[in-house]
Structures are given as structure tokens and as C-alpha cells.
Amino acid sequence: MGGSRLHWVAHAVCVFLLVALLAERHHRGLRWGPAEERAMTPVVSRPLPSKEQLAPAGARSLLGVPGPRRALITGITGMIGSAVAEALVNSGAWEVHGLVRWRSNSNNLRRVYSKVKLHYGDIEDPHRMLHVISDVQPDVLFHFAAQAYNGVSWDNPYYTLSANILGTLNILEAVRLAKLTSTRLVVAGSSTEYGHTTSFWKGPVPETAPLIPVTPYGVSKLATESLARAYFLNFQIPVVVVRLFVHVGTGHTENQALQNFCLQVAEIEAGLRPPVLQVGRLDTRRDITDIRDSAPVLVALADKGVPGEAYNVASGTAIQMKSLLD
């Protein structure tokens, strides 16, 4: 079985595991508790618009201006960026542009590839960022490009800090130098910014909880958020930060635990490895959300989010990793 095909089998197994978990609860006659009712639906601490307010096609644009609006997505080939691209394209109200590196795999965009315009460049190149952003002049800029894996950030802390902090600086500076002060930015933060706080905090972690990151990735995301807020306070660039908790979906890599489990199962089914799963700690709990549920939330926050504020994007409950394998 080819590598590409094997990865898609892994993603299919991943979806199967989540469906099986929900089906088992139903079979046992269990009812969702107050928190569990939100397990597969992303929540934030402030109210979001209703589905009626997010009417697609020609009914209205999210920013209240007739005609298609222009969005630029960095990291558009990733799981989150591609899901947001699909949500925007499917609404019929957006002209979608994406920033990609020359070596990026665009397979995640296969459903909307012909409907997005791609621009080649790297967020670590400030001159190219100024050129692309000045050329596109987006109404909304979604910044998802990053070294996005917490677990591997200790393997290459220098690159993690450089790509995530200086890359974000290059985006913000390009917006400022292009004088696009009305362009709204949605910048990806991370739940890893809370870090040590999760060891003593009881219940869901709110946006007001202390930010005490414990990995280079968490530190880079805290710095990213601080830069974004500094550009709002000093230059009035409307920036909204989204602190993303664990998200799953097709198009992700095996660097996340659930995707890694799925890849191992696919390899076992294909006869490529012994029937033994290699796992870490299974007593830990993670807040897990399907990216298809969160993509519309990220789009809504581009309009409804308060500039300068940060929003948790999560399910609102934690799932024990062991339950995903039972």
C-alpha cells in the first residue's frame, strides 16, 4: 500500500474511532452530562452569531458589505487552513486566497483547489509577505502558518520560535506597512499557552486563566499572541486571537496522538507491523474537536470577535485518551 493511500486509510480509521465512541455511549443508554453535551461542538466564552446570521451564498457577507469579500489564509494547505478555506468557498460569499510554500502538498485543498488562488512564499521572508499582502489586500487575513506541533518543538526549539514568532511579526508588519489598518486578522494561538496552569486548574480553562507555557511551542504561541495584541494597541490593526485546543480531521499528520493511533491501526490492518499499538500515557484527558465543527466558528470570529481579545476554541469537555482505544 502506498504511503499516501495509507495515510488516508489512517484518517478514515480516526473518524471511525470517534463515531464508535459516540455509538458505544448510545448503546449503553448513557445520556450526555451538561458538559458532555458540548463535547463535539466548539464553544467560546462569548456569544457567536446564529446560523441565520451566517446566511451563505448571496444573502450577505460576514462583514455586512455587498458582494464577495477577500480572504487570505496562511497555512492554507494544513488541516485547519484548508477547512476554513472550504467553509469560505462553500458560503459563496468569499474570494479566497492562500499562502503556500513551493514544496507544500495541496491535497487537503482537493475539494476547492480550482476555487482558490494560491500565492507562493514563506512567512519567514518579510519582503515576500509584504508583496503578497499588498497584492491581495485582504478584508480578512487568517494566520495559521506555523511550526504547529507541540510535541516536536523540543526537537527543534530554534526553528519553532523563529518560524512562529518572526513569521507572525512579518505578517503583522506587512499589514502595517501596506496601511491595511481595516484588514481584520484572525491569528492562531494555542491551548498550550496555558501550560502549567492545567495541572492545578479545576474544570474548563477560561481565557482569563494564567498563561504559563512549558514548551517552546507554547512559548512561541504566547509571543505570537502578545505581538498581535501589541499591533492592535499601537496601530489599531483589528486582531482576534483564537486559542485552539486539540483538533482532529482528515489532512492532519501522525504527530498528534489520535492520528498516530489511527496510522498504527491502518498499518496493522495492512500487515505492515505487528498487532501491537505503541502508546504513551492513556490516563491523560484532552479536549478534542472536529475541525469541521470549528471552521465556521473561526470564520464567525473574523467578524464577531472583539479586536485585541483572545478566544478559546474547544469542545468544553475533556476525553480520556484510553476511551478512544476501548
C-alpha atoms as a PDB file:
ATOM      1  CA  MET A   1       0.000   0.000   0.000  1.00  0.00           C
ATOM      2  CA  GLY A   2       1.409   3.422  -0.975  1.00  0.00           C
ATOM      3  CA  GLY A   3       2.290   5.980   1.677  1.00  0.00           C
ATOM      4  CA  SER A   4      -0.356   8.481   0.570  1.00  0.00           C
ATOM      5  CA  ARG A   5      -3.097   5.857   0.458  1.00  0.00           C
ATOM      6  CA  LEU A   6      -2.049   4.514   3.849  1.00  0.00           C
ATOM      7  CA  HIS A   7      -2.369   7.949   5.437  1.00  0.00           C
ATOM      8  CA  TRP A   8      -5.898   8.361   4.086  1.00  0.00           C
ATOM      9  CA  VAL A   9      -6.801   4.938   5.496  1.00  0.00           C
ATOM     10  CA  ALA A  10      -5.438   6.171   8.822  1.00  0.00           C
ATOM     11  CA  HIS A  11      -7.662   9.241   8.674  1.00  0.00           C
ATOM     12  CA  ALA A  12     -10.680   7.047   7.899  1.00  0.00           C
ATOM     13  CA  VAL A  13      -9.887   4.880  10.919  1.00  0.00           C
ATOM     14  CA  CYS A  14      -9.604   8.057  13.006  1.00  0.00           C
ATOM     15  CA  VAL A  15     -13.131   9.112  12.057  1.00  0.00           C
ATOM     16  CA  PHE A  16     -14.344   5.556  12.713  1.00  0.00           C
ATOM     17  CA  LEU A  17     -12.915   5.629  16.248  1.00  0.00           C
ATOM     18  CA  LEU A  18     -14.745   8.846  17.094  1.00  0.00           C
ATOM     19  CA  VAL A  19     -18.031   7.531  15.661  1.00  0.00           C
ATOM     20  CA  ALA A  20     -17.560   4.255  17.545  1.00  0.00           C
ATOM     21  CA  LEU A  21     -17.026   6.133  20.807  1.00  0.00           C
ATOM     22  CA  LEU A  22     -20.301   8.004  20.386  1.00  0.00           C
ATOM     23  CA  ALA A  23     -22.151   4.844  19.284  1.00  0.00           C
ATOM     24  CA  GLU A  24     -20.959   2.963  22.372  1.00  0.00           C
ATOM     25  CA  ARG A  25     -22.348   5.647  24.643  1.00  0.00           C
ATOM     26  CA  HIS A  26     -25.692   5.447  22.839  1.00  0.00           C
ATOM     27  CA  HIS A  27     -25.712   1.615  23.040  1.00  0.00           C
ATOM     28  CA  ARG A  28     -25.204   1.753  26.803  1.00  0.00           C
ATOM     29  CA  GLY A  29     -28.150   4.125  27.136  1.00  0.00           C
ATOM     30  CA  LEU A  30     -25.982   6.818  28.641  1.00  0.00           C
ATOM     31  CA  ARG A  31     -27.061  10.428  28.464  1.00  0.00           C
ATOM     32  CA  TRP A  32     -24.612  13.220  27.917  1.00  0.00           C
ATOM     33  CA  GLY A  33     -23.968  15.205  31.059  1.00  0.00           C
ATOM     34  CA  PRO A  34     -24.186  19.018  30.966  1.00  0.00           C
ATOM     35  CA  ALA A  35     -20.550  19.309  29.861  1.00  0.00           C
ATOM     36  CA  GLU A  36     -20.584  16.258  27.621  1.00  0.00           C
ATOM     37  CA  GLU A  37     -23.437  17.676  25.538  1.00  0.00           C
ATOM     38  CA  ARG A  38     -20.874  20.113  24.158  1.00  0.00           C
ATOM     39  CA  ALA A  39     -18.175  17.506  23.539  1.00  0.00           C
ATOM     40  CA  MET A  40     -18.311  17.637  19.768  1.00  0.00           C
ATOM     41  CA  THR A  41     -19.429  21.243  19.410  1.00  0.00           C
ATOM     42  CA  PRO A  42     -16.845  24.026  19.728  1.00  0.00           C
ATOM     43  CA  VAL A  43     -17.545  26.657  22.342  1.00  0.00           C
ATOM     44  CA  VAL A  44     -16.110  30.037  23.173  1.00  0.00           C
ATOM     45  CA  SER A  45     -16.748  32.230  26.186  1.00  0.00           C
ATOM     46  CA  ARG A  46     -18.585  34.939  24.274  1.00  0.00           C
ATOM     47  CA  PRO A  47     -21.770  34.569  22.159  1.00  0.00           C
ATOM     48  CA  LEU A  48     -21.410  33.798  18.472  1.00  0.00           C
ATOM     49  CA  PRO A  49     -23.863  34.528  15.632  1.00  0.00           C
ATOM     50  CA  SER A  50     -26.675  32.118  14.837  1.00  0.00           C
ATOM     51  CA  LYS A  51     -26.857  30.072  11.652  1.00  0.00           C
ATOM     52  CA  GLU A  52     -29.432  32.536  10.330  1.00  0.00           C
ATOM     53  CA  GLN A  53     -26.973  35.378  10.846  1.00  0.00           C
ATOM     54  CA  LEU A  54     -24.357  33.422   8.897  1.00  0.00           C
ATOM     55  CA  ALA A  55     -26.567  33.077   5.812  1.00  0.00           C
ATOM     56  CA  PRO A  56     -24.390  31.821   2.924  1.00  0.00           C
ATOM     57  CA  ALA A  57     -24.357  32.486  -0.809  1.00  0.00           C
ATOM     58  CA  GLY A  58     -25.543  35.917  -1.857  1.00  0.00           C
ATOM     59  CA  ALA A  59     -27.677  36.600   1.213  1.00  0.00           C
ATOM     60  CA  ARG A  60     -24.998  38.634   2.990  1.00  0.00           C
ATOM     61  CA  SER A  61     -21.273  38.699   3.556  1.00  0.00           C
ATOM     62  CA  LEU A  62     -19.963  38.186   7.071  1.00  0.00           C
ATOM     63  CA  LEU A  63     -18.714  41.756   7.153  1.00  0.00           C
ATOM     64  CA  GLY A  64     -22.005  43.263   6.008  1.00  0.00           C
ATOM     65  CA  VAL A  65     -20.696  44.571   2.671  1.00  0.00           C
ATOM     66  CA  PRO A  66     -22.426  43.514  -0.576  1.00  0.00           C
ATOM     67  CA  GLY A  67     -20.503  41.250  -2.918  1.00  0.00           C
ATOM     68  CA  PRO A  68     -17.732  38.739  -2.233  1.00  0.00           C
ATOM     69  CA  ARG A  69     -15.168  39.616   0.374  1.00  0.00           C
ATOM     70  CA  ARG A  70     -11.482  38.740   0.021  1.00  0.00           C
ATOM     71  CA  ALA A  71      -9.766  36.391   2.468  1.00  0.00           C
ATOM     72  CA  LEU A  72      -6.099  35.433   2.641  1.00  0.00           C
ATOM     73  CA  ILE A  73      -5.168  32.274   4.549  1.00  0.00           C
ATOM     74  CA  THR A  74      -1.597  31.484   5.572  1.00  0.00           C
ATOM     75  CA  GLY A  75      -1.090  27.773   6.110  1.00  0.00           C
ATOM     76  CA  ILE A  76      -3.966  27.049   3.746  1.00  0.00           C
ATOM     77  CA  THR A  77      -2.719  23.532   2.938  1.00  0.00           C
ATOM     78  CA  GLY A  78      -2.838  22.449   6.583  1.00  0.00           C
ATOM     79  CA  MET A  79      -5.796  20.788   8.280  1.00  0.00           C
ATOM     80  CA  ILE A  80      -7.153  23.997   9.813  1.00  0.00           C
ATOM     81  CA  GLY A  81      -6.369  26.316   6.912  1.00  0.00           C
ATOM     82  CA  SER A  82      -7.931  24.006   4.337  1.00  0.00           C
ATOM     83  CA  ALA A  83     -11.058  23.518   6.464  1.00  0.00           C
ATOM     84  CA  VAL A  84     -11.501  27.287   6.774  1.00  0.00           C
ATOM     85  CA  ALA A  85     -10.919  27.640   3.012  1.00  0.00           C
ATOM     86  CA  GLU A  86     -13.709  25.143   2.363  1.00  0.00           C
ATOM     87  CA  ALA A  87     -16.063  26.941   4.744  1.00  0.00           C
ATOM     88  CA  LEU A  88     -15.400  30.250   2.987  1.00  0.00           C
ATOM     89  CA  VAL A  89     -15.708  28.830  -0.533  1.00  0.00           C
ATOM     90  CA  ASN A  90     -18.884  26.924   0.293  1.00  0.00           C
ATOM     91  CA  SER A  91     -20.515  30.072   1.678  1.00  0.00           C
ATOM     92  CA  GLY A  92     -20.350  31.625  -1.781  1.00  0.00           C
ATOM     93  CA  ALA A  93     -19.566  34.994  -0.212  1.00  0.00           C
ATOM     94  CA  TRP A  94     -15.779  34.980  -0.348  1.00  0.00           C
ATOM     95  CA  GLU A  95     -12.907  35.276  -2.791  1.00  0.00           C
ATOM     96  CA  VAL A  96     -10.296  33.008  -1.205  1.00  0.00           C
ATOM     97  CA  HIS A  97      -6.524  33.392  -1.497  1.00  0.00           C
ATOM     98  CA  GLY A  98      -3.933  31.212   0.182  1.00  0.00           C
ATOM     99  CA  LEU A  99      -0.235  31.409   1.009  1.00  0.00           C
ATOM    100  CA  VAL A 100       1.711  28.212   0.320  1.00  0.00           C
ATOM    101  CA  ARG A 101       5.344  27.199   0.277  1.00  0.00           C
ATOM    102  CA  TRP A 102       6.669  25.826  -3.001  1.00  0.00           C
ATOM    103  CA  ARG A 103       7.095  22.331  -1.530  1.00  0.00           C
ATOM    104  CA  SER A 104       3.668  22.192   0.143  1.00  0.00           C
ATOM    105  CA  ASN A 105       1.300  19.320  -0.605  1.00  0.00           C
ATOM    106  CA  SER A 106      -2.027  20.781  -1.745  1.00  0.00           C
ATOM    107  CA  ASN A 107      -4.001  17.541  -1.370  1.00  0.00           C
ATOM    108  CA  ASN A 108      -6.055  18.983   1.514  1.00  0.00           C
ATOM    109  CA  LEU A 109      -7.425  21.557  -0.932  1.00  0.00           C
ATOM    110  CA  ARG A 110      -8.571  18.999  -3.492  1.00  0.00           C
ATOM    111  CA  ARG A 111     -12.269  19.808  -2.994  1.00  0.00           C
ATOM    112  CA  VAL A 112     -11.823  23.557  -3.549  1.00  0.00           C
ATOM    113  CA  TYR A 113      -8.491  23.771  -5.389  1.00  0.00           C
ATOM    114  CA  SER A 114      -9.984  25.302  -8.519  1.00  0.00           C
ATOM    115  CA  LYS A 115     -11.782  27.950  -6.461  1.00  0.00           C
ATOM    116  CA  VAL A 116      -8.843  29.386  -4.515  1.00  0.00           C
ATOM    117  CA  LYS A 117      -5.929  31.473  -5.723  1.00  0.00           C
ATOM    118  CA  LEU A 118      -2.568  30.396  -4.338  1.00  0.00           C
ATOM    119  CA  HIS A 119       0.417  32.671  -3.733  1.00  0.00           C
ATOM    120  CA  TYR A 120       3.845  31.156  -3.139  1.00  0.00           C
ATOM    121  CA  GLY A 121       6.008  32.337  -0.291  1.00  0.00           C
ATOM    122  CA  ASP A 122       7.227  31.702   3.247  1.00  0.00           C
ATOM    123  CA  ILE A 123       6.203  33.632   6.350  1.00  0.00           C
ATOM    124  CA  GLU A 124       9.888  33.855   7.312  1.00  0.00           C
ATOM    125  CA  ASP A 125      10.509  36.059   4.257  1.00  0.00           C
ATOM    126  CA  PRO A 126       9.375  39.596   5.238  1.00  0.00           C
ATOM    127  CA  HIS A 127       9.787  41.039   1.744  1.00  0.00           C
ATOM    128  CA  ARG A 128       7.652  38.333   0.151  1.00  0.00           C
ATOM    129  CA  MET A 129       4.982  38.751   2.830  1.00  0.00           C
ATOM    130  CA  LEU A 130       4.764  42.476   2.133  1.00  0.00           C
ATOM    131  CA  HIS A 131       4.476  41.777  -1.598  1.00  0.00           C
ATOM    132  CA  VAL A 132       1.745  39.139  -1.253  1.00  0.00           C
ATOM    133  CA  ILE A 133      -0.343  41.028   1.299  1.00  0.00           C
ATOM    134  CA  SER A 134      -0.052  44.314  -0.636  1.00  0.00           C
ATOM    135  CA  ASP A 135      -1.098  42.487  -3.793  1.00  0.00           C
ATOM    136  CA  VAL A 136      -4.073  40.624  -2.303  1.00  0.00           C
ATOM    137  CA  GLN A 137      -5.259  43.415   0.030  1.00  0.00           C
ATOM    138  CA  PRO A 138      -7.491  41.046   2.012  1.00  0.00           C
ATOM    139  CA  ASP A 139     -10.534  42.089   4.010  1.00  0.00           C
ATOM    140  CA  VAL A 140      -9.705  39.265   6.429  1.00  0.00           C
ATOM    141  CA  LEU A 141      -6.361  37.539   6.967  1.00  0.00           C
ATOM    142  CA  PHE A 142      -6.362  34.143   8.704  1.00  0.00           C
ATOM    143  CA  HIS A 143      -2.867  33.398  10.010  1.00  0.00           C
ATOM    144  CA  PHE A 144      -2.427  29.655  10.606  1.00  0.00           C
ATOM    145  CA  ALA A 145       1.058  29.049   9.135  1.00  0.00           C
ATOM    146  CA  ALA A 146       3.480  27.859  11.831  1.00  0.00           C
ATOM    147  CA  GLN A 147       5.580  25.036  13.172  1.00  0.00           C
ATOM    148  CA  ALA A 148       2.403  23.598  14.594  1.00  0.00           C
ATOM    149  CA  TYR A 149       3.419  20.594  16.691  1.00  0.00           C
ATOM    150  CA  ASN A 150       3.885  20.979  20.414  1.00  0.00           C
ATOM    151  CA  GLY A 151       5.486  17.579  20.922  1.00  0.00           C
ATOM    152  CA  VAL A 152       8.285  18.119  18.431  1.00  0.00           C
ATOM    153  CA  SER A 153       9.124  21.675  19.488  1.00  0.00           C
ATOM    154  CA  TRP A 154      11.802  20.404  21.894  1.00  0.00           C
ATOM    155  CA  ASP A 155      13.494  18.661  18.955  1.00  0.00           C
ATOM    156  CA  ASN A 156      13.938  21.971  17.171  1.00  0.00           C
ATOM    157  CA  PRO A 157      13.176  24.853  19.547  1.00  0.00           C
ATOM    158  CA  TYR A 158      15.099  27.404  17.471  1.00  0.00           C
ATOM    159  CA  TYR A 159      13.049  26.778  14.343  1.00  0.00           C
ATOM    160  CA  THR A 160       9.818  26.690  16.356  1.00  0.00           C
ATOM    161  CA  LEU A 161      10.496  30.101  17.899  1.00  0.00           C
ATOM    162  CA  SER A 162      11.834  31.617  14.674  1.00  0.00           C
ATOM    163  CA  ALA A 163       9.023  30.434  12.408  1.00  0.00           C
ATOM    164  CA  ASN A 164       6.193  31.167  14.801  1.00  0.00           C
ATOM    165  CA  ILE A 165       7.316  34.459  16.318  1.00  0.00           C
ATOM    166  CA  LEU A 166       9.240  36.106  13.466  1.00  0.00           C
ATOM    167  CA  GLY A 167       6.794  34.657  10.942  1.00  0.00           C
ATOM    168  CA  THR A 168       3.916  36.337  12.748  1.00  0.00           C
ATOM    169  CA  LEU A 169       5.924  39.557  13.039  1.00  0.00           C
ATOM    170  CA  ASN A 170       6.423  39.528   9.253  1.00  0.00           C
ATOM    171  CA  ILE A 171       2.668  39.175   8.702  1.00  0.00           C
ATOM    172  CA  LEU A 172       1.796  41.982  11.114  1.00  0.00           C
ATOM    173  CA  GLU A 173       4.499  44.282   9.743  1.00  0.00           C
ATOM    174  CA  ALA A 174       3.324  43.659   6.178  1.00  0.00           C
ATOM    175  CA  VAL A 175      -0.223  44.648   7.124  1.00  0.00           C
ATOM    176  CA  ARG A 176       1.077  47.774   8.849  1.00  0.00           C
ATOM    177  CA  LEU A 177       3.439  48.807   6.033  1.00  0.00           C
ATOM    178  CA  ALA A 178       0.735  48.211   3.427  1.00  0.00           C
ATOM    179  CA  LYS A 179      -1.504  50.511   5.508  1.00  0.00           C
ATOM    180  CA  LEU A 180      -4.252  47.894   5.622  1.00  0.00           C
ATOM    181  CA  THR A 181      -5.496  49.010   9.019  1.00  0.00           C
ATOM    182  CA  SER A 182      -9.057  47.897   8.232  1.00  0.00           C
ATOM    183  CA  THR A 183      -7.967  44.333   7.434  1.00  0.00           C
ATOM    184  CA  ARG A 184      -9.189  42.053  10.203  1.00  0.00           C
ATOM    185  CA  LEU A 185      -6.749  39.363  11.358  1.00  0.00           C
ATOM    186  CA  VAL A 186      -7.551  36.022  12.959  1.00  0.00           C
ATOM    187  CA  VAL A 187      -4.295  34.743  14.474  1.00  0.00           C
ATOM    188  CA  ALA A 188      -3.876  31.186  15.725  1.00  0.00           C
ATOM    189  CA  GLY A 189      -2.839  30.886  19.336  1.00  0.00           C
ATOM    190  CA  SER A 190      -2.916  27.606  21.242  1.00  0.00           C
ATOM    191  CA  SER A 191      -4.177  25.923  24.393  1.00  0.00           C
ATOM    192  CA  THR A 192      -0.504  25.179  25.121  1.00  0.00           C
ATOM    193  CA  GLU A 193      -0.196  28.801  26.230  1.00  0.00           C
ATOM    194  CA  TYR A 194      -1.911  27.723  29.477  1.00  0.00           C
ATOM    195  CA  GLY A 195       0.755  25.067  30.062  1.00  0.00           C
ATOM    196  CA  HIS A 196       1.372  24.579  33.799  1.00  0.00           C
ATOM    197  CA  THR A 197      -1.998  26.131  34.635  1.00  0.00           C
ATOM    198  CA  THR A 198      -3.780  22.948  33.503  1.00  0.00           C
ATOM    199  CA  SER A 199      -2.060  20.997  36.282  1.00  0.00           C
ATOM    200  CA  PHE A 200      -3.894  22.871  39.036  1.00  0.00           C
ATOM    201  CA  TRP A 201      -6.946  24.431  37.360  1.00  0.00           C
ATOM    202  CA  LYS A 202     -10.242  22.738  38.188  1.00  0.00           C
ATOM    203  CA  GLY A 203     -12.718  22.460  35.316  1.00  0.00           C
ATOM    204  CA  PRO A 204     -12.561  24.027  31.832  1.00  0.00           C
ATOM    205  CA  VAL A 205      -9.803  26.618  31.497  1.00  0.00           C
ATOM    206  CA  PRO A 206     -11.187  30.098  30.723  1.00  0.00           C
ATOM    207  CA  GLU A 207      -9.440  32.798  28.716  1.00  0.00           C
ATOM    208  CA  THR A 208      -8.643  34.634  31.956  1.00  0.00           C
ATOM    209  CA  ALA A 209      -6.541  31.761  33.369  1.00  0.00           C
ATOM    210  CA  PRO A 210      -2.776  32.347  33.787  1.00  0.00           C
ATOM    211  CA  LEU A 211      -0.655  31.742  30.698  1.00  0.00           C
ATOM    212  CA  ILE A 212       2.317  29.614  31.826  1.00  0.00           C
ATOM    213  CA  PRO A 213       3.602  27.702  28.771  1.00  0.00           C
ATOM    214  CA  VAL A 214       6.070  24.868  29.388  1.00  0.00           C
ATOM    215  CA  THR A 215       7.271  24.054  25.844  1.00  0.00           C
ATOM    216  CA  PRO A 216       8.975  26.071  23.103  1.00  0.00           C
ATOM    217  CA  TYR A 217       5.783  25.771  21.066  1.00  0.00           C
ATOM    218  CA  GLY A 218       3.648  27.149  23.906  1.00  0.00           C
ATOM    219  CA  VAL A 219       6.136  29.987  24.431  1.00  0.00           C
ATOM    220  CA  SER A 220       6.078  30.769  20.699  1.00  0.00           C
ATOM    221  CA  LYS A 221       2.287  30.960  20.701  1.00  0.00           C
ATOM    222  CA  LEU A 222       2.220  33.217  23.753  1.00  0.00           C
ATOM    223  CA  ALA A 223       4.703  35.515  21.994  1.00  0.00           C
ATOM    224  CA  THR A 224       2.577  35.348  18.832  1.00  0.00           C
ATOM    225  CA  GLU A 225      -0.483  36.449  20.779  1.00  0.00           C
ATOM    226  CA  SER A 226       1.435  39.227  22.532  1.00  0.00           C
ATOM    227  CA  LEU A 227       2.705  40.571  19.204  1.00  0.00           C
ATOM    228  CA  ALA A 228      -0.780  40.516  17.739  1.00  0.00           C
ATOM    229  CA  ARG A 229      -2.169  42.442  20.702  1.00  0.00           C
ATOM    230  CA  ALA A 230       0.710  44.939  20.559  1.00  0.00           C
ATOM    231  CA  TYR A 231      -0.106  45.729  16.916  1.00  0.00           C
ATOM    232  CA  PHE A 232      -3.742  46.253  17.853  1.00  0.00           C
ATOM    233  CA  LEU A 233      -2.909  48.570  20.745  1.00  0.00           C
ATOM    234  CA  ASN A 234      -0.242  50.558  18.900  1.00  0.00           C
ATOM    235  CA  PHE A 235      -1.502  50.594  15.309  1.00  0.00           C
ATOM    236  CA  GLN A 236      -5.216  49.801  15.734  1.00  0.00           C
ATOM    237  CA  ILE A 237      -4.963  46.754  13.465  1.00  0.00           C
ATOM    238  CA  PRO A 238      -8.044  44.677  14.390  1.00  0.00           C
ATOM    239  CA  VAL A 239      -6.606  41.343  15.523  1.00  0.00           C
ATOM    240  CA  VAL A 240      -8.514  38.476  17.125  1.00  0.00           C
ATOM    241  CA  VAL A 241      -6.564  35.572  18.661  1.00  0.00           C
ATOM    242  CA  VAL A 242      -8.011  32.046  18.723  1.00  0.00           C
ATOM    243  CA  ARG A 243      -6.528  29.683  21.307  1.00  0.00           C
ATOM    244  CA  LEU A 244      -7.094  26.368  19.588  1.00  0.00           C
ATOM    245  CA  PHE A 245      -7.368  23.205  21.660  1.00  0.00           C
ATOM    246  CA  VAL A 246      -6.826  19.745  20.104  1.00  0.00           C
ATOM    247  CA  HIS A 247      -8.476  19.404  16.711  1.00  0.00           C
ATOM    248  CA  VAL A 248      -8.800  16.327  14.532  1.00  0.00           C
ATOM    249  CA  GLY A 249      -9.756  15.720  10.922  1.00  0.00           C
ATOM    250  CA  THR A 250      -8.527  14.424   7.615  1.00  0.00           C
ATOM    251  CA  GLY A 251      -5.355  16.002   6.341  1.00  0.00           C
ATOM    252  CA  HIS A 252      -3.539  16.017   9.671  1.00  0.00           C
ATOM    253  CA  THR A 253      -0.259  14.224  10.387  1.00  0.00           C
ATOM    254  CA  GLU A 254       0.615  11.468  12.840  1.00  0.00           C
ATOM    255  CA  ASN A 255       2.273  13.941  15.229  1.00  0.00           C
ATOM    256  CA  GLN A 256      -0.982  14.075  17.214  1.00  0.00           C
ATOM    257  CA  ALA A 257      -1.796  11.064  19.410  1.00  0.00           C
ATOM    258  CA  LEU A 258      -5.151  10.180  17.859  1.00  0.00           C
ATOM    259  CA  GLN A 259      -3.813  10.395  14.322  1.00  0.00           C
ATOM    260  CA  ASN A 260      -0.829   8.283  15.379  1.00  0.00           C
ATOM    261  CA  PHE A 261      -3.148   5.615  16.794  1.00  0.00           C
ATOM    262  CA  CYS A 262      -5.075   5.591  13.520  1.00  0.00           C
ATOM    263  CA  LEU A 263      -1.911   5.267  11.442  1.00  0.00           C
ATOM    264  CA  GLN A 264      -0.759   2.323  13.542  1.00  0.00           C
ATOM    265  CA  VAL A 265      -4.141   0.610  13.153  1.00  0.00           C
ATOM    266  CA  ALA A 266      -4.004   1.138   9.384  1.00  0.00           C
ATOM    267  CA  GLU A 267      -0.504  -0.309   9.230  1.00  0.00           C
ATOM    268  CA  ILE A 268      -1.581  -3.314  11.313  1.00  0.00           C
ATOM    269  CA  GLU A 269      -4.580  -3.885   9.037  1.00  0.00           C
ATOM    270  CA  ALA A 270      -2.249  -3.693   6.029  1.00  0.00           C
ATOM    271  CA  GLY A 271       0.092  -6.237   7.571  1.00  0.00           C
ATOM    272  CA  LEU A 272       2.937  -3.748   7.806  1.00  0.00           C
ATOM    273  CA  ARG A 273       3.520  -4.057  11.562  1.00  0.00           C
ATOM    274  CA  PRO A 274       2.812  -6.486  14.422  1.00  0.00           C
ATOM    275  CA  PRO A 275      -0.663  -6.193  16.006  1.00  0.00           C
ATOM    276  CA  VAL A 276       0.593  -4.151  18.966  1.00  0.00           C
ATOM    277  CA  LEU A 277      -0.191  -0.459  19.457  1.00  0.00           C
ATOM    278  CA  GLN A 278       2.599   1.759  20.772  1.00  0.00           C
ATOM    279  CA  VAL A 279       1.034   4.331  23.100  1.00  0.00           C
ATOM    280  CA  GLY A 280       2.025   6.870  25.706  1.00  0.00           C
ATOM    281  CA  ARG A 281       0.039   7.732  28.817  1.00  0.00           C
ATOM    282  CA  LEU A 282      -3.617   6.861  28.322  1.00  0.00           C
ATOM    283  CA  ASP A 283      -4.903   8.359  31.583  1.00  0.00           C
ATOM    284  CA  THR A 284      -4.482  11.919  30.312  1.00  0.00           C
ATOM    285  CA  ARG A 285      -7.509  13.874  29.137  1.00  0.00           C
ATOM    286  CA  ARG A 286      -7.693  16.069  26.059  1.00  0.00           C
ATOM    287  CA  ASP A 287     -10.301  18.479  24.759  1.00  0.00           C
ATOM    288  CA  ILE A 288     -10.871  17.222  21.204  1.00  0.00           C
ATOM    289  CA  THR A 289     -12.942  18.879  18.481  1.00  0.00           C
ATOM    290  CA  ASP A 290     -13.629  18.002  14.852  1.00  0.00           C
ATOM    291  CA  ILE A 291     -12.174  20.752  12.656  1.00  0.00           C
ATOM    292  CA  ARG A 292     -15.335  20.692  10.532  1.00  0.00           C
ATOM    293  CA  ASP A 293     -17.221  21.986  13.572  1.00  0.00           C
ATOM    294  CA  SER A 294     -14.658  24.664  14.393  1.00  0.00           C
ATOM    295  CA  ALA A 295     -14.045  26.053  10.888  1.00  0.00           C
ATOM    296  CA  PRO A 296     -17.352  28.025  10.828  1.00  0.00           C
ATOM    297  CA  VAL A 297     -16.529  29.345  14.311  1.00  0.00           C
ATOM    298  CA  LEU A 298     -13.176  30.675  13.110  1.00  0.00           C
ATOM    299  CA  VAL A 299     -14.920  32.360  10.171  1.00  0.00           C
ATOM    300  CA  ALA A 300     -17.513  33.882  12.502  1.00  0.00           C
ATOM    301  CA  LEU A 301     -14.829  35.227  14.825  1.00  0.00           C
ATOM    302  CA  ALA A 302     -13.343  37.165  11.913  1.00  0.00           C
ATOM    303  CA  ASP A 303     -16.481  39.280  12.099  1.00  0.00           C
ATOM    304  CA  LYS A 304     -17.825  38.921  15.624  1.00  0.00           C
ATOM    305  CA  GLY A 305     -14.609  38.672  17.627  1.00  0.00           C
ATOM    306  CA  VAL A 306     -13.609  41.726  19.653  1.00  0.00           C
ATOM    307  CA  PRO A 307     -10.274  43.116  18.388  1.00  0.00           C
ATOM    308  CA  GLY A 308      -7.481  42.624  20.895  1.00  0.00           C
ATOM    309  CA  GLU A 309      -9.239  39.730  22.608  1.00  0.00           C
ATOM    310  CA  ALA A 310      -8.404  36.010  22.714  1.00  0.00           C
ATOM    311  CA  TYR A 311     -10.965  33.218  22.438  1.00  0.00           C
ATOM    312  CA  ASN A 312     -10.725  29.565  23.400  1.00  0.00           C
ATOM    313  CA  VAL A 313     -11.966  27.337  20.577  1.00  0.00           C
ATOM    314  CA  ALA A 314     -12.695  23.956  22.111  1.00  0.00           C
ATOM    315  CA  SER A 315     -15.395  21.414  22.903  1.00  0.00           C
ATOM    316  CA  GLY A 316     -15.721  22.400  26.548  1.00  0.00           C
ATOM    317  CA  THR A 317     -15.001  18.929  27.923  1.00  0.00           C
ATOM    318  CA  ALA A 318     -12.066  16.533  28.132  1.00  0.00           C
ATOM    319  CA  ILE A 319     -11.949  12.961  26.826  1.00  0.00           C
ATOM    320  CA  GLN A 320      -9.656  10.371  28.378  1.00  0.00           C
ATOM    321  CA  MET A 321      -7.282   9.059  25.738  1.00  0.00           C
ATOM    322  CA  LYS A 322      -7.883   5.461  26.835  1.00  0.00           C
ATOM    323  CA  SER A 323     -11.568   5.743  25.905  1.00  0.00           C
ATOM    324  CA  LEU A 324     -10.598   6.377  22.290  1.00  0.00           C
ATOM    325  CA  LEU A 325      -8.995   2.939  22.121  1.00  0.00           C
ATOM    326  CA  ASP A 326     -11.502   0.935  24.197  1.00  0.00           C
END
